[in-house]
């Protein structure tokens, strides 16, 4: 997948709680969700995998089918 389609987690985070896709350092793409976390916004990503939050590099809104 092209990085131009993705938002870098250091540039911007989702504006509200929503379903997202996240890309991790090794290139894997995971379905997840984002919930507001005022204490540490990057830790708002919730994915069904054991990984460090620093492993998430990019995100995008999940398209609804």
PDB file of N, CA and C in Angstrom:
ATOM      1  N   UNK A   1       0.839  -1.184   0.000  1.00  0.00           N
ATOM      2  CA  UNK A   1       0.000   0.000   0.000  1.00  0.00           C
ATOM      3  C   UNK A   1       0.880   1.242   0.000  1.00  0.00           C
ATOM      4  N   UNK A   2       0.397   2.237  -0.632  1.00  0.00           N
ATOM      5  CA  UNK A   2       1.130   3.483  -0.769  1.00  0.00           C
ATOM      6  C   UNK A   2       0.997   4.324   0.493  1.00  0.00           C
ATOM      7  N   UNK A   3       2.128   4.820   1.013  1.00  0.00           N
ATOM      8  CA  UNK A   3       2.085   5.637   2.223  1.00  0.00           C
ATOM      9  C   UNK A   3       1.306   6.932   2.038  1.00  0.00           C
ATOM     10  N   UNK A   4       1.138   7.380   0.801  1.00  0.00           N
ATOM     11  CA  UNK A   4       0.391   8.625   0.560  1.00  0.00           C
ATOM     12  C   UNK A   4      -1.062   8.478   0.998  1.00  0.00           C
ATOM     13  N   UNK A   5      -1.574   7.251   1.042  1.00  0.00           N
ATOM     14  CA  UNK A   5      -2.944   7.009   1.467  1.00  0.00           C
ATOM     15  C   UNK A   5      -3.071   7.008   2.988  1.00  0.00           C
ATOM     16  N   UNK A   6      -1.973   7.000   3.689  1.00  0.00           N
ATOM     17  CA  UNK A   6      -1.937   6.846   5.147  1.00  0.00           C
ATOM     18  C   UNK A   6      -1.552   8.154   5.812  1.00  0.00           C
ATOM     19  N   UNK A   7      -1.945   8.326   7.063  1.00  0.00           N
ATOM     20  CA  UNK A   7      -1.567   9.498   7.854  1.00  0.00           C
ATOM     21  C   UNK A   7      -0.529   9.055   8.873  1.00  0.00           C
ATOM     22  N   UNK A   8       0.578   9.766   8.926  1.00  0.00           N
ATOM     23  CA  UNK A   8       1.633   9.479   9.889  1.00  0.00           C
ATOM     24  C   UNK A   8       1.134   9.818  11.294  1.00  0.00           C
ATOM     25  N   UNK A   9       1.352   8.917  12.259  1.00  0.00           N
ATOM     26  CA  UNK A   9       0.868   9.166  13.622  1.00  0.00           C
ATOM     27  C   UNK A   9       1.525  10.382  14.255  1.00  0.00           C
ATOM     28  N   UNK A  10       2.675  10.805  13.740  1.00  0.00           N
ATOM     29  CA  UNK A  10       3.340  11.988  14.273  1.00  0.00           C
ATOM     30  C   UNK A  10       2.796  13.275  13.672  1.00  0.00           C
ATOM     31  N   UNK A  11       2.035  13.169  12.579  1.00  0.00           N
ATOM     32  CA  UNK A  11       1.472  14.351  11.928  1.00  0.00           C
ATOM     33  C   UNK A  11       0.088  14.694  12.449  1.00  0.00           C
ATOM     34  N   UNK A  12      -0.757  13.657  12.600  1.00  0.00           N
ATOM     35  CA  UNK A  12      -2.139  13.910  12.997  1.00  0.00           C
ATOM     36  C   UNK A  12      -2.745  12.599  13.486  1.00  0.00           C
ATOM     37  N   UNK A  13      -3.666  12.708  14.421  1.00  0.00           N
ATOM     38  CA  UNK A  13      -4.409  11.567  14.936  1.00  0.00           C
ATOM     39  C   UNK A  13      -5.882  11.757  14.621  1.00  0.00           C
ATOM     40  N   UNK A  14      -6.695  10.685  14.674  1.00  0.00           N
ATOM     41  CA  UNK A  14      -8.126  10.835  14.403  1.00  0.00           C
ATOM     42  C   UNK A  14      -8.764  11.895  15.304  1.00  0.00           C
ATOM     43  N   UNK A  15      -9.806  12.527  14.798  1.00  0.00           N
ATOM     44  CA  UNK A  15     -10.476  13.599  15.528  1.00  0.00           C
ATOM     45  C   UNK A  15     -11.440  13.084  16.587  1.00  0.00           C
ATOM     46  N   UNK A  16     -11.833  11.818  16.496  1.00  0.00           N
ATOM     47  CA  UNK A  16     -12.825  11.263  17.420  1.00  0.00           C
ATOM     48  C   UNK A  16     -12.699   9.748  17.423  1.00  0.00           C
ATOM     49  N   UNK A  17     -13.429   9.106  18.281  1.00  0.00           N
ATOM     50  CA  UNK A  17     -13.441   7.642  18.330  1.00  0.00           C
ATOM     51  C   UNK A  17     -14.005   7.101  17.021  1.00  0.00           C
ATOM     52  N   UNK A  18     -13.311   6.146  16.437  1.00  0.00           N
ATOM     53  CA  UNK A  18     -13.721   5.626  15.134  1.00  0.00           C
ATOM     54  C   UNK A  18     -12.994   4.333  14.808  1.00  0.00           C
ATOM     55  N   UNK A  19     -13.469   3.622  13.795  1.00  0.00           N
ATOM     56  CA  UNK A  19     -12.770   2.443  13.291  1.00  0.00           C
ATOM     57  C   UNK A  19     -11.634   2.900  12.381  1.00  0.00           C
ATOM     58  N   UNK A  20     -10.493   2.260  12.508  1.00  0.00           N
ATOM     59  CA  UNK A  20      -9.325   2.634  11.715  1.00  0.00           C
ATOM     60  C   UNK A  20      -8.579   1.389  11.259  1.00  0.00           C
ATOM     61  N   UNK A  21      -7.701   1.598  10.300  1.00  0.00           N
ATOM     62  CA  UNK A  21      -6.683   0.622   9.946  1.00  0.00           C
ATOM     63  C   UNK A  21      -5.366   1.222  10.419  1.00  0.00           C
ATOM     64  N   UNK A  22      -4.497   0.410  10.966  1.00  0.00           N
ATOM     65  CA  UNK A  22      -3.182   0.900  11.368  1.00  0.00           C
ATOM     66  C   UNK A  22      -2.114   0.103  10.651  1.00  0.00           C
ATOM     67  N   UNK A  23      -1.030   0.777  10.313  1.00  0.00           N
ATOM     68  CA  UNK A  23       0.113   0.108   9.711  1.00  0.00           C
ATOM     69  C   UNK A  23       1.238   0.130  10.736  1.00  0.00           C
ATOM     70  N   UNK A  24       1.929  -0.996  10.886  1.00  0.00           N
ATOM     71  CA  UNK A  24       3.016  -1.097  11.854  1.00  0.00           C
ATOM     72  C   UNK A  24       4.351  -1.153  11.124  1.00  0.00           C
ATOM     73  N   UNK A  25       5.427  -1.021  11.905  1.00  0.00           N
ATOM     74  CA  UNK A  25       6.770  -0.924  11.337  1.00  0.00           C
ATOM     75  C   UNK A  25       7.106  -2.023  10.330  1.00  0.00           C
ATOM     76  N   UNK A  26       6.649  -3.252  10.562  1.00  0.00           N
ATOM     77  CA  UNK A  26       6.995  -4.346   9.648  1.00  0.00           C
ATOM     78  C   UNK A  26       6.118  -4.364   8.397  1.00  0.00           C
ATOM     79  N   UNK A  27       5.191  -3.419   8.268  1.00  0.00           N
ATOM     80  CA  UNK A  27       4.347  -3.309   7.086  1.00  0.00           C
ATOM     81  C   UNK A  27       2.987  -3.962   7.220  1.00  0.00           C
ATOM     82  N   UNK A  28       2.741  -4.713   8.304  1.00  0.00           N
ATOM     83  CA  UNK A  28       1.437  -5.332   8.505  1.00  0.00           C
ATOM     84  C   UNK A  28       0.363  -4.267   8.687  1.00  0.00           C
ATOM     85  N   UNK A  29      -0.849  -4.592   8.247  1.00  0.00           N
ATOM     86  CA  UNK A  29      -2.005  -3.706   8.409  1.00  0.00           C
ATOM     87  C   UNK A  29      -2.999  -4.418   9.308  1.00  0.00           C
ATOM     88  N   UNK A  30      -3.468  -3.727  10.345  1.00  0.00           N
ATOM     89  CA  UNK A  30      -4.392  -4.303  11.313  1.00  0.00           C
ATOM     90  C   UNK A  30      -5.662  -3.467  11.411  1.00  0.00           C
ATOM     91  N   UNK A  31      -6.800  -4.136  11.566  1.00  0.00           N
ATOM     92  CA  UNK A  31      -8.053  -3.442  11.863  1.00  0.00           C
ATOM     93  C   UNK A  31      -8.025  -3.081  13.341  1.00  0.00           C
ATOM     94  N   UNK A  32      -8.535  -1.924  13.658  1.00  0.00           N
ATOM     95  CA  UNK A  32      -8.591  -1.526  15.054  1.00  0.00           C
ATOM     96  C   UNK A  32      -9.583  -0.404  15.242  1.00  0.00           C
ATOM     97  N   UNK A  33      -9.438   0.248  16.359  1.00  0.00           N
ATOM     98  CA  UNK A  33     -10.273   1.423  16.609  1.00  0.00           C
ATOM     99  C   UNK A  33      -9.423   2.457  17.331  1.00  0.00           C
ATOM    100  N   UNK A  34      -9.912   3.668  17.304  1.00  0.00           N
ATOM    101  CA  UNK A  34      -9.250   4.756  18.011  1.00  0.00           C
ATOM    102  C   UNK A  34     -10.239   5.305  19.021  1.00  0.00           C
ATOM    103  N   UNK A  35      -9.797   5.432  20.257  1.00  0.00           N
ATOM    104  CA  UNK A  35     -10.613   6.044  21.306  1.00  0.00           C
ATOM    105  C   UNK A  35      -9.849   7.235  21.866  1.00  0.00           C
ATOM    106  N   UNK A  36     -10.565   8.259  22.235  1.00  0.00           N
ATOM    107  CA  UNK A  36      -9.909   9.455  22.773  1.00  0.00           C
ATOM    108  C   UNK A  36      -9.150   9.111  24.046  1.00  0.00           C
ATOM    109  N   UNK A  37      -7.899   9.545  24.118  1.00  0.00           N
ATOM    110  CA  UNK A  37      -7.059   9.344  25.288  1.00  0.00           C
ATOM    111  C   UNK A  37      -6.298  10.645  25.543  1.00  0.00           C
ATOM    112  N   UNK A  38      -6.874  11.555  26.331  1.00  0.00           N
ATOM    113  CA  UNK A  38      -6.258  12.862  26.553  1.00  0.00           C
ATOM    114  C   UNK A  38      -4.867  12.793  27.183  1.00  0.00           C
ATOM    115  N   UNK A  39      -4.595  11.765  27.980  1.00  0.00           N
ATOM    116  CA  UNK A  39      -3.292  11.670  28.643  1.00  0.00           C
ATOM    117  C   UNK A  39      -2.166  11.337  27.667  1.00  0.00           C
ATOM    118  N   UNK A  40      -2.434  10.490  26.688  1.00  0.00           N
ATOM    119  CA  UNK A  40      -1.445  10.121  25.675  1.00  0.00           C
ATOM    120  C   UNK A  40      -2.193   9.722  24.408  1.00  0.00           C
ATOM    121  N   UNK A  41      -2.446  10.686  23.527  1.00  0.00           N
ATOM    122  CA  UNK A  41      -3.276  10.423  22.352  1.00  0.00           C
ATOM    123  C   UNK A  41      -2.817   9.242  21.501  1.00  0.00           C
ATOM    124  N   UNK A  42      -1.517   9.002  21.382  1.00  0.00           N
ATOM    125  CA  UNK A  42      -1.043   7.881  20.567  1.00  0.00           C
ATOM    126  C   UNK A  42      -1.464   6.543  21.154  1.00  0.00           C
ATOM    127  N   UNK A  43      -1.757   6.493  22.442  1.00  0.00           N
ATOM    128  CA  UNK A  43      -2.194   5.243  23.055  1.00  0.00           C
ATOM    129  C   UNK A  43      -3.691   5.030  22.895  1.00  0.00           C
ATOM    130  N   UNK A  44      -4.344   5.854  22.105  1.00  0.00           N
ATOM    131  CA  UNK A  44      -5.760   5.689  21.835  1.00  0.00           C
ATOM    132  C   UNK A  44      -6.055   4.594  20.822  1.00  0.00           C
ATOM    133  N   UNK A  45      -5.017   4.115  20.126  1.00  0.00           N
ATOM    134  CA  UNK A  45      -5.228   3.041  19.159  1.00  0.00           C
ATOM    135  C   UNK A  45      -5.404   1.718  19.890  1.00  0.00           C
ATOM    136  N   UNK A  46      -6.463   0.991  19.546  1.00  0.00           N
ATOM    137  CA  UNK A  46      -6.740  -0.317  20.129  1.00  0.00           C
ATOM    138  C   UNK A  46      -6.763  -1.319  18.981  1.00  0.00           C
ATOM    139  N   UNK A  47      -5.824  -2.263  19.016  1.00  0.00           N
ATOM    140  CA  UNK A  47      -5.744  -3.275  17.962  1.00  0.00           C
ATOM    141  C   UNK A  47      -5.702  -4.663  18.589  1.00  0.00           C
ATOM    142  N   UNK A  48      -6.150  -5.685  17.860  1.00  0.00           N
ATOM    143  CA  UNK A  48      -6.176  -7.044  18.404  1.00  0.00           C
ATOM    144  C   UNK A  48      -4.828  -7.740  18.264  1.00  0.00           C
ATOM    145  N   UNK A  49      -3.792  -7.135  18.803  1.00  0.00           N
ATOM    146  CA  UNK A  49      -2.456  -7.731  18.730  1.00  0.00           C
ATOM    147  C   UNK A  49      -1.607  -7.173  19.868  1.00  0.00           C
ATOM    148  N   UNK A  50      -0.648  -7.948  20.286  1.00  0.00           N
ATOM    149  CA  UNK A  50       0.303  -7.477  21.291  1.00  0.00           C
ATOM    150  C   UNK A  50       1.419  -6.738  20.560  1.00  0.00           C
ATOM    151  N   UNK A  51       1.430  -5.427  20.649  1.00  0.00           N
ATOM    152  CA  UNK A  51       2.514  -4.663  20.050  1.00  0.00           C
ATOM    153  C   UNK A  51       2.682  -3.367  20.814  1.00  0.00           C
ATOM    154  N   UNK A  52       3.858  -2.813  20.705  1.00  0.00           N
ATOM    155  CA  UNK A  52       4.141  -1.550  21.380  1.00  0.00           C
ATOM    156  C   UNK A  52       3.489  -0.414  20.599  1.00  0.00           C
ATOM    157  N   UNK A  53       3.011   0.603  21.310  1.00  0.00           N
ATOM    158  CA  UNK A  53       2.376   1.725  20.615  1.00  0.00           C
ATOM    159  C   UNK A  53       3.337   2.390  19.643  1.00  0.00           C
ATOM    160  N   UNK A  54       4.640   2.341  19.938  1.00  0.00           N
ATOM    161  CA  UNK A  54       5.626   2.936  19.031  1.00  0.00           C
ATOM    162  C   UNK A  54       5.734   2.164  17.719  1.00  0.00           C
ATOM    163  N   UNK A  55       5.216   0.928  17.662  1.00  0.00           N
ATOM    164  CA  UNK A  55       5.240   0.150  16.427  1.00  0.00           C
ATOM    165  C   UNK A  55       4.231   0.657  15.407  1.00  0.00           C
ATOM    166  N   UNK A  56       3.208   1.374  15.856  1.00  0.00           N
ATOM    167  CA  UNK A  56       2.211   1.926  14.936  1.00  0.00           C
ATOM    168  C   UNK A  56       2.807   3.169  14.292  1.00  0.00           C
ATOM    169  N   UNK A  57       2.911   3.136  12.960  1.00  0.00           N
ATOM    170  CA  UNK A  57       3.537   4.252  12.254  1.00  0.00           C
ATOM    171  C   UNK A  57       2.534   5.118  11.503  1.00  0.00           C
ATOM    172  N   UNK A  58       1.453   4.502  10.985  1.00  0.00           N
ATOM    173  CA  UNK A  58       0.480   5.219  10.169  1.00  0.00           C
ATOM    174  C   UNK A  58      -0.924   4.708  10.490  1.00  0.00           C
ATOM    175  N   UNK A  59      -1.904   5.488  10.099  1.00  0.00           N
ATOM    176  CA  UNK A  59      -3.293   5.095  10.278  1.00  0.00           C
ATOM    177  C   UNK A  59      -4.124   5.698   9.170  1.00  0.00           C
ATOM    178  N   UNK A  60      -5.328   5.155   8.987  1.00  0.00           N
ATOM    179  CA  UNK A  60      -6.315   5.778   8.101  1.00  0.00           C
ATOM    180  C   UNK A  60      -7.692   5.303   8.548  1.00  0.00           C
ATOM    181  N   UNK A  61      -8.692   6.094   8.203  1.00  0.00           N
ATOM    182  CA  UNK A  61     -10.060   5.706   8.525  1.00  0.00           C
ATOM    183  C   UNK A  61     -10.410   4.451   7.755  1.00  0.00           C
ATOM    184  N   UNK A  62     -11.119   3.548   8.401  1.00  0.00           N
ATOM    185  CA  UNK A  62     -11.540   2.320   7.735  1.00  0.00           C
ATOM    186  C   UNK A  62     -12.774   2.624   6.899  1.00  0.00           C
ATOM    187  N   UNK A  63     -12.709   2.312   5.622  1.00  0.00           N
ATOM    188  CA  UNK A  63     -13.840   2.571   4.730  1.00  0.00           C
ATOM    189  C   UNK A  63     -14.996   1.660   5.108  1.00  0.00           C
ATOM    190  N   UNK A  64     -16.170   2.232   5.164  1.00  0.00           N
ATOM    191  CA  UNK A  64     -17.360   1.442   5.473  1.00  0.00           C
ATOM    192  C   UNK A  64     -17.857   0.782   4.193  1.00  0.00           C
ATOM    193  N   UNK A  65     -18.174  -0.492   4.304  1.00  0.00           N
ATOM    194  CA  UNK A  65     -18.639  -1.228   3.125  1.00  0.00           C
ATOM    195  C   UNK A  65     -20.128  -0.995   2.899  1.00  0.00           C
TER     196      UNK A  65
END
